[in-house]
N, C-alpha and C. Protein backbone atom coordinates (compact mmCIF):
# COMPACT_ATOMS: atom_id res chain seq x y z
N UNK A 1 -6.07 32.10 -19.07
CA UNK A 1 -4.65 31.78 -18.97
C UNK A 1 -4.04 31.76 -20.36
N UNK A 2 -2.75 32.16 -20.46
CA UNK A 2 -2.11 32.24 -21.76
C UNK A 2 -0.62 32.02 -21.62
N UNK A 3 -0.02 31.43 -22.67
CA UNK A 3 1.43 31.30 -22.72
C UNK A 3 2.04 32.69 -22.73
N UNK A 4 3.17 32.86 -22.02
CA UNK A 4 3.80 34.17 -21.97
C UNK A 4 5.29 33.98 -21.73
N UNK A 5 5.99 35.09 -21.46
CA UNK A 5 7.42 35.01 -21.15
C UNK A 5 7.82 36.23 -20.34
N UNK A 6 8.95 36.09 -19.63
CA UNK A 6 9.53 37.18 -18.88
C UNK A 6 10.99 37.31 -19.32
N UNK A 7 11.38 38.45 -19.87
CA UNK A 7 12.75 38.59 -20.35
C UNK A 7 13.73 38.81 -19.19
N UNK A 8 14.99 38.38 -19.43
CA UNK A 8 16.08 38.65 -18.49
C UNK A 8 17.38 38.73 -19.27
N UNK A 9 18.41 39.31 -18.66
CA UNK A 9 19.72 39.43 -19.28
C UNK A 9 20.63 38.35 -18.74
N UNK A 10 21.34 37.64 -19.63
CA UNK A 10 22.30 36.63 -19.19
C UNK A 10 23.64 37.30 -18.90
N UNK A 11 24.66 36.52 -18.60
CA UNK A 11 25.95 37.07 -18.19
C UNK A 11 26.64 37.85 -19.29
N UNK A 12 26.23 37.61 -20.54
CA UNK A 12 26.81 38.36 -21.67
C UNK A 12 25.91 39.53 -22.08
N UNK A 13 24.96 39.86 -21.21
CA UNK A 13 24.02 40.96 -21.45
C UNK A 13 23.12 40.73 -22.66
N UNK A 14 22.96 39.47 -23.03
CA UNK A 14 22.01 39.13 -24.10
C UNK A 14 20.64 38.88 -23.47
N UNK A 15 19.60 39.28 -24.19
CA UNK A 15 18.25 39.10 -23.67
C UNK A 15 17.78 37.67 -23.93
N UNK A 16 17.32 37.02 -22.85
CA UNK A 16 16.72 35.69 -22.95
C UNK A 16 15.35 35.75 -22.28
N UNK A 17 14.60 34.68 -22.37
CA UNK A 17 13.23 34.70 -21.87
C UNK A 17 12.92 33.47 -21.01
N UNK A 18 12.31 33.71 -19.84
CA UNK A 18 11.72 32.64 -19.06
C UNK A 18 10.34 32.32 -19.61
N UNK A 19 10.04 31.04 -19.78
CA UNK A 19 8.72 30.61 -20.22
C UNK A 19 7.75 30.70 -19.04
N UNK A 20 6.61 31.35 -19.24
CA UNK A 20 5.65 31.53 -18.16
C UNK A 20 4.23 31.26 -18.66
N UNK A 21 3.34 31.17 -17.70
CA UNK A 21 1.91 31.10 -17.96
C UNK A 21 1.28 32.32 -17.30
N UNK A 22 0.61 33.14 -18.07
CA UNK A 22 0.04 34.37 -17.54
C UNK A 22 -1.42 34.15 -17.14
N UNK A 23 -1.76 34.60 -15.94
CA UNK A 23 -3.14 34.47 -15.47
C UNK A 23 -3.47 35.63 -14.55
N UNK A 24 -4.74 35.74 -14.21
CA UNK A 24 -5.18 36.79 -13.30
C UNK A 24 -5.34 36.22 -11.90
N UNK A 25 -4.78 36.91 -10.93
CA UNK A 25 -4.96 36.59 -9.51
C UNK A 25 -5.77 37.73 -8.92
N UNK A 26 -7.08 37.55 -8.89
CA UNK A 26 -7.93 38.68 -8.54
C UNK A 26 -7.84 39.72 -9.64
N UNK A 27 -7.44 40.95 -9.28
CA UNK A 27 -7.32 42.02 -10.27
C UNK A 27 -5.89 42.18 -10.76
N UNK A 28 -4.99 41.28 -10.32
CA UNK A 28 -3.57 41.41 -10.64
C UNK A 28 -3.18 40.35 -11.67
N UNK A 29 -2.49 40.76 -12.72
CA UNK A 29 -1.96 39.83 -13.71
C UNK A 29 -0.62 39.30 -13.20
N UNK A 30 -0.49 37.99 -13.16
CA UNK A 30 0.74 37.37 -12.64
C UNK A 30 1.31 36.42 -13.69
N UNK A 31 2.60 36.16 -13.56
CA UNK A 31 3.31 35.22 -14.43
C UNK A 31 3.73 34.01 -13.59
N UNK A 32 3.30 32.83 -13.99
CA UNK A 32 3.71 31.59 -13.34
C UNK A 32 4.78 30.93 -14.20
N UNK A 33 5.94 30.67 -13.59
CA UNK A 33 7.03 30.07 -14.35
C UNK A 33 6.69 28.64 -14.74
N UNK A 34 6.98 28.29 -15.98
CA UNK A 34 6.81 26.93 -16.47
C UNK A 34 8.10 26.18 -16.19
N UNK A 35 7.97 25.08 -15.47
CA UNK A 35 9.15 24.33 -15.05
C UNK A 35 9.20 22.97 -15.74
N UNK A 36 10.37 22.61 -16.23
CA UNK A 36 10.57 21.29 -16.82
C UNK A 36 11.55 20.53 -15.93
N UNK A 37 11.15 19.34 -15.51
CA UNK A 37 12.00 18.54 -14.63
C UNK A 37 13.14 17.94 -15.42
N UNK A 38 14.36 18.17 -14.95
CA UNK A 38 15.55 17.64 -15.62
C UNK A 38 15.84 16.23 -15.13
N UNK A 39 16.66 15.52 -15.89
CA UNK A 39 17.12 14.20 -15.46
C UNK A 39 17.99 14.35 -14.21
N UNK A 40 17.89 13.42 -13.27
CA UNK A 40 18.77 13.47 -12.08
C UNK A 40 20.23 13.45 -12.51
N UNK A 41 21.06 14.18 -11.77
CA UNK A 41 22.46 14.32 -12.17
C UNK A 41 23.44 13.64 -11.22
N UNK A 42 23.01 13.30 -9.99
CA UNK A 42 23.92 12.63 -9.07
C UNK A 42 24.11 11.18 -9.49
N UNK A 43 25.31 10.66 -9.26
CA UNK A 43 25.60 9.27 -9.60
C UNK A 43 24.69 8.34 -8.81
N UNK A 44 24.02 7.42 -9.51
CA UNK A 44 23.00 6.57 -8.91
C UNK A 44 23.39 5.10 -9.04
N UNK A 45 23.15 4.35 -7.97
CA UNK A 45 23.62 2.97 -7.90
C UNK A 45 22.55 2.07 -7.31
N UNK A 46 22.69 0.77 -7.56
CA UNK A 46 21.87 -0.25 -6.92
C UNK A 46 22.76 -1.41 -6.49
N UNK A 47 22.33 -2.09 -5.45
CA UNK A 47 22.90 -3.38 -5.09
C UNK A 47 21.76 -4.32 -4.79
N UNK A 48 21.89 -5.57 -5.22
CA UNK A 48 20.83 -6.55 -5.09
C UNK A 48 21.40 -7.86 -4.57
N UNK A 49 20.60 -8.56 -3.79
CA UNK A 49 20.98 -9.91 -3.38
C UNK A 49 20.68 -10.85 -4.54
N UNK A 50 21.70 -11.53 -5.03
CA UNK A 50 21.52 -12.43 -6.17
C UNK A 50 20.80 -13.71 -5.76
N UNK A 51 20.92 -14.08 -4.51
CA UNK A 51 20.23 -15.26 -3.99
C UNK A 51 19.42 -14.85 -2.76
N UNK A 52 18.49 -15.69 -2.37
CA UNK A 52 17.60 -15.38 -1.25
C UNK A 52 18.37 -15.34 0.06
N UNK A 53 17.96 -14.42 0.95
CA UNK A 53 18.58 -14.23 2.25
C UNK A 53 17.64 -14.75 3.33
N UNK A 54 18.19 -15.53 4.25
CA UNK A 54 17.37 -16.10 5.31
C UNK A 54 17.14 -15.09 6.43
N UNK A 55 15.93 -15.11 6.98
CA UNK A 55 15.59 -14.29 8.15
C UNK A 55 15.46 -15.16 9.41
N UNK A 56 16.10 -16.32 9.41
CA UNK A 56 15.92 -17.29 10.48
C UNK A 56 16.53 -16.85 11.81
N UNK A 57 17.51 -15.95 11.77
CA UNK A 57 18.18 -15.51 13.00
C UNK A 57 17.73 -14.10 13.36
N UNK A 58 17.19 -13.95 14.56
CA UNK A 58 16.74 -12.63 15.00
C UNK A 58 17.91 -11.66 15.07
N UNK A 59 17.61 -10.39 14.81
CA UNK A 59 18.56 -9.28 14.92
C UNK A 59 19.73 -9.39 13.94
N UNK A 60 19.51 -10.09 12.83
CA UNK A 60 20.54 -10.15 11.79
C UNK A 60 20.58 -8.84 11.01
N UNK A 61 21.78 -8.51 10.53
CA UNK A 61 21.93 -7.41 9.59
C UNK A 61 21.81 -8.03 8.19
N UNK A 62 20.61 -7.99 7.65
CA UNK A 62 20.38 -8.64 6.36
C UNK A 62 21.21 -8.01 5.26
N UNK A 63 21.32 -6.70 5.29
CA UNK A 63 22.17 -5.96 4.35
C UNK A 63 22.81 -4.80 5.09
N UNK A 64 24.08 -4.55 4.81
CA UNK A 64 24.73 -3.32 5.28
C UNK A 64 25.29 -2.58 4.08
N UNK A 65 25.19 -1.26 4.12
CA UNK A 65 25.77 -0.38 3.11
C UNK A 65 26.75 0.53 3.84
N UNK A 66 28.01 0.51 3.43
CA UNK A 66 29.04 1.35 4.04
C UNK A 66 29.53 2.37 3.02
N UNK A 67 29.74 3.59 3.49
CA UNK A 67 30.24 4.65 2.61
C UNK A 67 31.68 4.38 2.21
N UNK A 68 32.09 5.00 1.12
CA UNK A 68 33.49 4.98 0.74
C UNK A 68 34.27 6.05 1.49
N UNK A 69 35.52 6.20 1.15
CA UNK A 69 36.39 7.11 1.90
C UNK A 69 36.08 8.57 1.65
N UNK A 70 35.57 8.93 0.46
CA UNK A 70 35.51 10.35 0.11
C UNK A 70 34.13 10.89 -0.23
N UNK A 71 33.14 10.04 -0.49
CA UNK A 71 31.82 10.52 -0.93
C UNK A 71 30.74 10.15 0.07
N UNK A 72 29.78 11.07 0.22
CA UNK A 72 28.59 10.77 1.02
C UNK A 72 27.67 9.84 0.22
N UNK A 73 26.92 9.04 0.94
CA UNK A 73 25.98 8.09 0.32
C UNK A 73 24.57 8.46 0.76
N UNK A 74 23.66 8.58 -0.19
CA UNK A 74 22.27 8.88 0.11
C UNK A 74 21.39 7.69 -0.24
N UNK A 75 20.88 6.99 0.77
CA UNK A 75 19.99 5.86 0.52
C UNK A 75 18.63 6.41 0.07
N UNK A 76 18.16 5.95 -1.08
CA UNK A 76 16.89 6.42 -1.61
C UNK A 76 15.76 5.44 -1.32
N UNK A 77 16.04 4.13 -1.41
CA UNK A 77 14.96 3.16 -1.24
C UNK A 77 15.57 1.80 -0.90
N UNK A 78 14.91 1.08 0.03
CA UNK A 78 15.24 -0.31 0.33
C UNK A 78 13.98 -1.13 0.08
N UNK A 79 14.08 -2.13 -0.79
CA UNK A 79 12.92 -2.93 -1.19
C UNK A 79 13.20 -4.39 -0.84
N UNK A 80 12.26 -5.00 -0.12
CA UNK A 80 12.39 -6.40 0.29
C UNK A 80 11.19 -7.17 -0.25
N UNK A 81 11.47 -8.26 -0.97
CA UNK A 81 10.42 -9.14 -1.47
C UNK A 81 10.60 -10.52 -0.86
N UNK A 82 9.50 -11.15 -0.47
CA UNK A 82 9.56 -12.47 0.14
C UNK A 82 9.60 -13.54 -0.94
N UNK A 83 10.46 -14.56 -0.71
CA UNK A 83 10.57 -15.65 -1.67
C UNK A 83 10.00 -16.95 -1.10
N UNK A 84 10.41 -17.32 0.11
CA UNK A 84 9.93 -18.57 0.71
C UNK A 84 8.96 -18.26 1.85
N UNK A 85 8.06 -19.19 2.12
CA UNK A 85 7.05 -19.01 3.16
C UNK A 85 7.68 -18.82 4.53
N UNK A 86 6.95 -18.11 5.40
CA UNK A 86 7.44 -17.84 6.75
C UNK A 86 6.67 -18.61 7.81
N UNK A 87 7.31 -18.77 8.97
CA UNK A 87 6.66 -19.42 10.11
C UNK A 87 6.18 -18.42 11.14
N UNK A 88 6.92 -17.31 11.29
CA UNK A 88 6.53 -16.25 12.21
C UNK A 88 5.98 -15.10 11.37
N UNK A 89 4.70 -14.82 11.49
CA UNK A 89 4.09 -13.86 10.57
C UNK A 89 4.29 -12.41 11.00
N UNK A 90 4.31 -12.13 12.29
CA UNK A 90 4.46 -10.75 12.76
C UNK A 90 5.94 -10.47 12.95
N UNK A 91 6.48 -9.57 12.16
CA UNK A 91 7.91 -9.31 12.16
C UNK A 91 8.20 -7.83 12.26
N UNK A 92 9.28 -7.48 12.97
CA UNK A 92 9.73 -6.10 13.07
C UNK A 92 11.01 -5.94 12.27
N UNK A 93 11.04 -4.89 11.47
CA UNK A 93 12.20 -4.57 10.62
C UNK A 93 12.67 -3.16 10.95
N UNK A 94 13.98 -2.99 10.99
CA UNK A 94 14.56 -1.69 11.34
C UNK A 94 15.65 -1.30 10.35
N UNK A 95 15.81 -0.01 10.17
CA UNK A 95 16.99 0.56 9.51
C UNK A 95 17.76 1.32 10.57
N UNK A 96 19.01 0.96 10.76
CA UNK A 96 19.84 1.59 11.78
C UNK A 96 21.16 2.07 11.18
N UNK A 97 21.69 3.14 11.77
CA UNK A 97 23.01 3.59 11.39
C UNK A 97 24.07 2.67 11.98
N UNK A 98 25.21 2.60 11.31
CA UNK A 98 26.36 1.84 11.78
C UNK A 98 27.55 2.77 11.94
N UNK A 99 28.33 2.54 13.00
CA UNK A 99 29.54 3.32 13.23
C UNK A 99 30.81 2.49 13.04
N UNK A 100 30.66 1.19 12.78
CA UNK A 100 31.76 0.33 12.32
C UNK A 100 31.17 -0.64 11.31
N UNK A 101 32.01 -1.14 10.43
CA UNK A 101 31.55 -2.07 9.40
C UNK A 101 31.54 -3.49 9.93
N UNK A 102 30.49 -4.24 9.57
CA UNK A 102 30.47 -5.66 9.86
C UNK A 102 31.44 -6.41 8.96
N UNK A 103 31.81 -7.61 9.37
CA UNK A 103 32.75 -8.42 8.60
C UNK A 103 32.24 -9.86 8.50
N UNK A 104 32.79 -10.58 7.53
CA UNK A 104 32.53 -12.01 7.44
C UNK A 104 31.28 -12.40 6.68
N UNK A 105 30.59 -11.45 6.08
CA UNK A 105 29.39 -11.78 5.32
C UNK A 105 29.71 -11.98 3.85
N UNK A 106 28.68 -11.93 3.04
CA UNK A 106 28.83 -12.08 1.60
C UNK A 106 28.79 -10.72 0.93
N UNK A 107 29.85 -10.37 0.24
CA UNK A 107 29.91 -9.08 -0.44
C UNK A 107 28.93 -9.06 -1.62
N UNK A 108 28.34 -7.89 -1.85
CA UNK A 108 27.41 -7.70 -2.96
C UNK A 108 28.02 -6.77 -3.99
N UNK A 109 27.71 -7.04 -5.25
CA UNK A 109 28.12 -6.13 -6.30
C UNK A 109 27.28 -4.86 -6.26
N UNK A 110 27.90 -3.74 -6.54
CA UNK A 110 27.24 -2.45 -6.65
C UNK A 110 27.40 -1.97 -8.09
N UNK A 111 26.29 -1.65 -8.75
CA UNK A 111 26.38 -1.24 -10.14
C UNK A 111 25.71 0.10 -10.35
N UNK A 112 26.21 0.85 -11.31
CA UNK A 112 25.66 2.18 -11.61
C UNK A 112 24.51 2.04 -12.59
N UNK A 113 23.50 2.92 -12.44
CA UNK A 113 22.39 2.95 -13.38
C UNK A 113 22.79 3.60 -14.71
N UNK A 114 23.78 4.47 -14.65
CA UNK A 114 24.30 5.14 -15.84
C UNK A 114 25.74 4.70 -16.05
N UNK A 115 26.05 4.04 -17.17
CA UNK A 115 27.43 3.58 -17.38
C UNK A 115 28.45 4.71 -17.46
N UNK A 116 27.96 5.95 -17.64
CA UNK A 116 28.88 7.09 -17.65
C UNK A 116 29.37 7.46 -16.25
N UNK A 117 28.65 7.02 -15.22
CA UNK A 117 29.07 7.29 -13.84
C UNK A 117 30.23 6.37 -13.45
N UNK A 118 31.09 6.86 -12.59
CA UNK A 118 32.21 6.06 -12.12
C UNK A 118 31.76 4.97 -11.17
N UNK A 119 32.69 4.11 -10.82
CA UNK A 119 32.40 3.05 -9.87
C UNK A 119 32.05 3.65 -8.51
N UNK A 120 31.15 3.00 -7.79
CA UNK A 120 30.74 3.49 -6.47
C UNK A 120 31.88 3.33 -5.47
N UNK A 121 31.94 4.28 -4.55
CA UNK A 121 32.86 4.13 -3.42
C UNK A 121 32.26 3.28 -2.32
N UNK A 122 30.91 3.25 -2.25
CA UNK A 122 30.21 2.50 -1.22
C UNK A 122 30.36 1.00 -1.45
N UNK A 123 30.24 0.24 -0.37
CA UNK A 123 30.29 -1.22 -0.44
C UNK A 123 29.04 -1.79 0.23
N UNK A 124 28.72 -3.04 -0.12
CA UNK A 124 27.54 -3.69 0.41
C UNK A 124 27.86 -5.13 0.79
N UNK A 125 27.15 -5.63 1.81
CA UNK A 125 27.37 -6.98 2.31
C UNK A 125 26.07 -7.51 2.90
N UNK A 126 25.86 -8.82 2.81
CA UNK A 126 24.73 -9.45 3.46
C UNK A 126 25.21 -10.31 4.63
N UNK A 127 24.39 -10.35 5.67
CA UNK A 127 24.56 -11.22 6.82
C UNK A 127 26.00 -11.31 7.33
N UNK A 128 26.59 -10.18 7.76
CA UNK A 128 27.94 -10.26 8.35
C UNK A 128 27.91 -11.14 9.60
N UNK A 129 28.94 -11.99 9.73
CA UNK A 129 29.01 -12.84 10.92
C UNK A 129 29.38 -12.04 12.15
N UNK A 130 30.20 -10.99 11.96
CA UNK A 130 30.47 -10.02 13.02
C UNK A 130 29.80 -8.73 12.60
N UNK A 131 28.70 -8.39 13.28
CA UNK A 131 27.90 -7.25 12.86
C UNK A 131 28.60 -5.94 13.20
N UNK A 132 28.31 -4.91 12.38
CA UNK A 132 28.79 -3.58 12.67
C UNK A 132 28.13 -3.01 13.92
N UNK A 133 28.74 -1.96 14.47
CA UNK A 133 28.23 -1.33 15.69
C UNK A 133 27.01 -0.49 15.36
N UNK A 134 25.87 -0.83 15.98
CA UNK A 134 24.64 -0.11 15.71
C UNK A 134 24.61 1.24 16.42
N UNK A 135 24.01 2.20 15.72
CA UNK A 135 23.81 3.54 16.31
C UNK A 135 22.32 3.86 16.22
N UNK A 136 21.98 5.04 15.74
CA UNK A 136 20.61 5.51 15.80
C UNK A 136 19.63 4.70 14.96
N UNK A 137 18.41 4.57 15.48
CA UNK A 137 17.30 3.95 14.75
C UNK A 137 16.71 4.98 13.80
N UNK A 138 16.72 4.66 12.51
CA UNK A 138 16.26 5.60 11.49
C UNK A 138 14.81 5.34 11.08
N UNK A 139 14.44 4.07 10.97
CA UNK A 139 13.09 3.71 10.53
C UNK A 139 12.74 2.34 11.06
N UNK A 140 11.44 2.09 11.27
CA UNK A 140 10.99 0.79 11.76
C UNK A 140 9.63 0.49 11.15
N UNK A 141 9.40 -0.79 10.83
CA UNK A 141 8.11 -1.22 10.33
C UNK A 141 7.75 -2.56 10.97
N UNK A 142 6.46 -2.77 11.19
CA UNK A 142 5.93 -4.07 11.61
C UNK A 142 5.29 -4.70 10.39
N UNK A 143 5.75 -5.92 10.04
CA UNK A 143 5.36 -6.53 8.78
C UNK A 143 4.77 -7.91 9.03
N UNK A 144 3.74 -8.24 8.29
CA UNK A 144 3.20 -9.60 8.28
C UNK A 144 3.80 -10.35 7.11
N UNK A 145 4.66 -11.33 7.39
CA UNK A 145 5.18 -12.17 6.31
C UNK A 145 4.15 -13.21 5.93
N UNK A 146 4.24 -13.69 4.70
CA UNK A 146 3.27 -14.65 4.18
C UNK A 146 3.61 -16.06 4.68
N UNK A 147 2.57 -16.81 5.08
CA UNK A 147 2.77 -18.15 5.62
C UNK A 147 2.52 -19.24 4.59
N UNK A 148 1.79 -18.93 3.54
CA UNK A 148 1.52 -19.92 2.50
C UNK A 148 1.75 -19.28 1.14
N UNK A 149 2.13 -20.13 0.20
CA UNK A 149 2.46 -19.62 -1.13
C UNK A 149 1.29 -18.90 -1.76
N UNK A 150 0.08 -19.33 -1.44
CA UNK A 150 -1.10 -18.70 -2.04
C UNK A 150 -1.24 -17.25 -1.63
N UNK A 151 -0.64 -16.88 -0.49
CA UNK A 151 -0.75 -15.50 0.00
C UNK A 151 0.33 -14.59 -0.56
N UNK A 152 1.36 -15.16 -1.14
CA UNK A 152 2.48 -14.35 -1.64
C UNK A 152 2.06 -13.69 -2.95
N UNK A 153 2.12 -12.37 -2.98
CA UNK A 153 1.73 -11.66 -4.19
C UNK A 153 2.94 -10.93 -4.77
N UNK A 154 2.70 -10.07 -5.72
CA UNK A 154 3.80 -9.40 -6.41
C UNK A 154 4.24 -8.12 -5.71
N UNK A 155 3.56 -7.74 -4.65
CA UNK A 155 3.93 -6.51 -3.95
C UNK A 155 5.14 -6.74 -3.06
N UNK A 156 6.01 -5.74 -2.91
CA UNK A 156 7.14 -5.88 -1.99
C UNK A 156 6.65 -6.12 -0.56
N UNK A 157 7.42 -6.89 0.17
CA UNK A 157 7.10 -7.15 1.57
C UNK A 157 7.35 -5.91 2.41
N UNK A 158 8.52 -5.28 2.21
CA UNK A 158 8.92 -4.10 2.97
C UNK A 158 9.50 -3.08 2.01
N UNK A 159 9.12 -1.82 2.17
CA UNK A 159 9.74 -0.73 1.43
C UNK A 159 10.05 0.40 2.40
N UNK A 160 11.32 0.74 2.52
CA UNK A 160 11.73 1.96 3.22
C UNK A 160 12.10 2.97 2.14
N UNK A 161 11.43 4.11 2.14
CA UNK A 161 11.50 5.02 1.01
C UNK A 161 11.87 6.43 1.44
N UNK A 162 12.87 6.99 0.79
CA UNK A 162 13.27 8.38 1.03
C UNK A 162 13.34 9.12 -0.31
N UNK A 163 12.27 9.00 -1.11
CA UNK A 163 12.23 9.64 -2.42
C UNK A 163 11.15 10.69 -2.54
N UNK A 164 10.32 10.87 -1.52
CA UNK A 164 9.21 11.80 -1.64
C UNK A 164 9.71 13.24 -1.58
N UNK A 165 8.92 14.15 -2.13
CA UNK A 165 9.25 15.57 -2.08
C UNK A 165 9.36 16.04 -0.63
N UNK A 166 10.28 16.94 -0.40
CA UNK A 166 10.52 17.55 0.92
C UNK A 166 11.05 16.54 1.94
N UNK A 167 11.58 15.41 1.46
CA UNK A 167 12.27 14.45 2.32
C UNK A 167 13.66 14.22 1.75
N UNK A 168 14.68 14.43 2.57
CA UNK A 168 16.04 14.16 2.12
C UNK A 168 16.27 12.66 1.99
N UNK A 169 17.28 12.30 1.22
CA UNK A 169 17.75 10.92 1.24
C UNK A 169 18.27 10.61 2.65
N UNK A 170 18.40 9.34 2.95
CA UNK A 170 19.05 8.92 4.20
C UNK A 170 20.55 9.00 3.97
N UNK A 171 21.17 10.11 4.38
CA UNK A 171 22.56 10.36 4.06
C UNK A 171 23.49 9.68 5.06
N UNK A 172 24.56 9.08 4.50
CA UNK A 172 25.65 8.49 5.28
C UNK A 172 26.88 9.36 5.05
N UNK A 173 27.53 9.78 6.12
CA UNK A 173 28.74 10.60 5.99
C UNK A 173 29.85 9.80 5.32
N UNK A 174 30.71 10.50 4.58
CA UNK A 174 31.87 9.84 3.97
C UNK A 174 32.74 9.23 5.05
N UNK A 175 33.35 8.10 4.72
CA UNK A 175 34.22 7.39 5.66
C UNK A 175 33.81 5.94 5.78
N UNK A 176 34.75 5.03 5.70
CA UNK A 176 34.44 3.61 5.61
C UNK A 176 33.90 3.01 6.90
N UNK A 177 33.87 3.78 7.99
CA UNK A 177 33.25 3.31 9.24
C UNK A 177 31.79 3.74 9.35
N UNK A 178 31.29 4.46 8.37
CA UNK A 178 29.93 4.99 8.41
C UNK A 178 29.02 4.19 7.48
N UNK A 179 27.86 3.77 7.99
CA UNK A 179 26.95 3.01 7.15
C UNK A 179 25.57 2.89 7.75
N UNK A 180 24.75 2.07 7.11
CA UNK A 180 23.43 1.72 7.61
C UNK A 180 23.22 0.24 7.38
N UNK A 181 22.30 -0.34 8.15
CA UNK A 181 21.94 -1.74 7.95
C UNK A 181 20.44 -1.90 7.97
N UNK A 182 19.97 -2.96 7.31
CA UNK A 182 18.59 -3.41 7.41
C UNK A 182 18.58 -4.61 8.35
N UNK A 183 17.81 -4.52 9.42
CA UNK A 183 17.84 -5.51 10.50
C UNK A 183 16.47 -6.14 10.68
N UNK A 184 16.43 -7.48 10.73
CA UNK A 184 15.19 -8.17 11.09
C UNK A 184 15.21 -8.48 12.58
N UNK A 185 14.46 -7.73 13.35
CA UNK A 185 14.45 -7.91 14.80
C UNK A 185 13.85 -9.26 15.17
N UNK A 186 12.85 -9.69 14.40
CA UNK A 186 12.15 -10.95 14.66
C UNK A 186 12.69 -12.04 13.75
N UNK A 187 12.86 -13.26 14.31
CA UNK A 187 13.26 -14.40 13.49
C UNK A 187 12.03 -15.03 12.85
N UNK A 188 12.15 -15.37 11.57
CA UNK A 188 11.13 -16.16 10.88
C UNK A 188 11.88 -17.30 10.20
N UNK A 189 11.78 -18.48 10.78
CA UNK A 189 12.74 -19.56 10.51
C UNK A 189 12.84 -19.92 9.04
N UNK A 190 11.74 -20.06 8.35
CA UNK A 190 11.80 -20.55 6.97
C UNK A 190 11.72 -19.44 5.92
N UNK A 191 11.54 -18.21 6.36
CA UNK A 191 11.38 -17.10 5.40
C UNK A 191 12.71 -16.78 4.72
N UNK A 192 12.65 -16.56 3.42
CA UNK A 192 13.79 -15.99 2.70
C UNK A 192 13.30 -14.80 1.89
N UNK A 193 14.20 -13.86 1.66
CA UNK A 193 13.83 -12.61 1.00
C UNK A 193 14.89 -12.22 -0.02
N UNK A 194 14.47 -11.42 -0.96
CA UNK A 194 15.35 -10.75 -1.91
C UNK A 194 15.34 -9.26 -1.61
N UNK A 195 16.50 -8.61 -1.68
CA UNK A 195 16.63 -7.21 -1.24
C UNK A 195 17.31 -6.40 -2.33
N UNK A 196 16.77 -5.21 -2.60
CA UNK A 196 17.39 -4.24 -3.50
C UNK A 196 17.54 -2.92 -2.74
N UNK A 197 18.72 -2.33 -2.83
CA UNK A 197 18.97 -1.02 -2.22
C UNK A 197 19.38 -0.05 -3.32
N UNK A 198 18.69 1.08 -3.37
CA UNK A 198 19.03 2.15 -4.32
C UNK A 198 19.67 3.30 -3.57
N UNK A 199 20.77 3.84 -4.12
CA UNK A 199 21.42 4.96 -3.44
C UNK A 199 22.16 5.84 -4.43
N UNK A 200 22.52 7.02 -3.96
CA UNK A 200 23.29 7.98 -4.73
C UNK A 200 24.56 8.33 -3.98
N UNK A 201 25.52 8.88 -4.70
CA UNK A 201 26.77 9.33 -4.08
C UNK A 201 27.06 10.77 -4.50
N UNK A 202 27.60 11.55 -3.58
CA UNK A 202 27.90 12.95 -3.86
C UNK A 202 28.92 13.46 -2.86
N UNK A 203 29.75 14.37 -3.31
CA UNK A 203 30.71 14.98 -2.40
C UNK A 203 30.02 15.90 -1.40
N UNK A 204 28.94 16.56 -1.82
CA UNK A 204 28.30 17.56 -0.99
C UNK A 204 26.88 17.21 -0.59
N UNK A 205 26.26 16.24 -1.24
CA UNK A 205 24.85 15.96 -0.99
C UNK A 205 23.98 16.72 -1.95
N UNK A 206 22.69 16.59 -1.80
CA UNK A 206 21.76 17.22 -2.75
C UNK A 206 21.02 18.37 -2.07
C-alpha cells in the first residue's frame, strides 16, 4: 500500500488532487480515497433539567421537546440519570411523538453548543400538567431503577440514542404542534432523575 492521488479539474479548470491510498485488489491496482471527517455543521443544542424530576406519577411526560415554527428538529440523544432511590424497580420508558404541545409544566432553557449558532426555535418543558396529544411510539425500554444508594453508579439509567451510522436522527417536522416526549409508563414513587436532551435544527434535515 502507498500514498497516492487522483487528479481532477475544478470549476475553474485548475488541476487539483484527491488524496488516495493505492493498493492491489487481486491483479488490479485500485485507489482508495482518504477521507477526513469534518466538524458537524448543523446547529446543535441541549436542554437539561436543572433540578431532579419525579417519576412518582405513571404515564407522566417527563420532558417534551416541541419544534419551532420554521425549522425541523432532530433528536440525537436522550440521557436519563437517577438521583434518588426508587421503590418500583421494573420500569417502562417510552419516547412518543406529540401532535399538540403540553401546557402548565416547567419550561427548560435550550442552549447552543456553538455560540455562533442562533437561538433554537425548539422549546422544552418538564412535567406538563396538561399533557400533549400522544401519537406514534418511537422507542421503548424496560429499565431497572436502583433501590439503594449503594447500587447507584455513574452510568446513565436510560439512553435513547439516534447517533449511530446509518440511523437518522429522530426528526420532528417544523411547526409548534409537533414534538416528542419522554414518558415513564411505570410509577416509581421516590425515584427522581436528571435528564439531558441533545438535538439539532435544520430547514431541510441531514
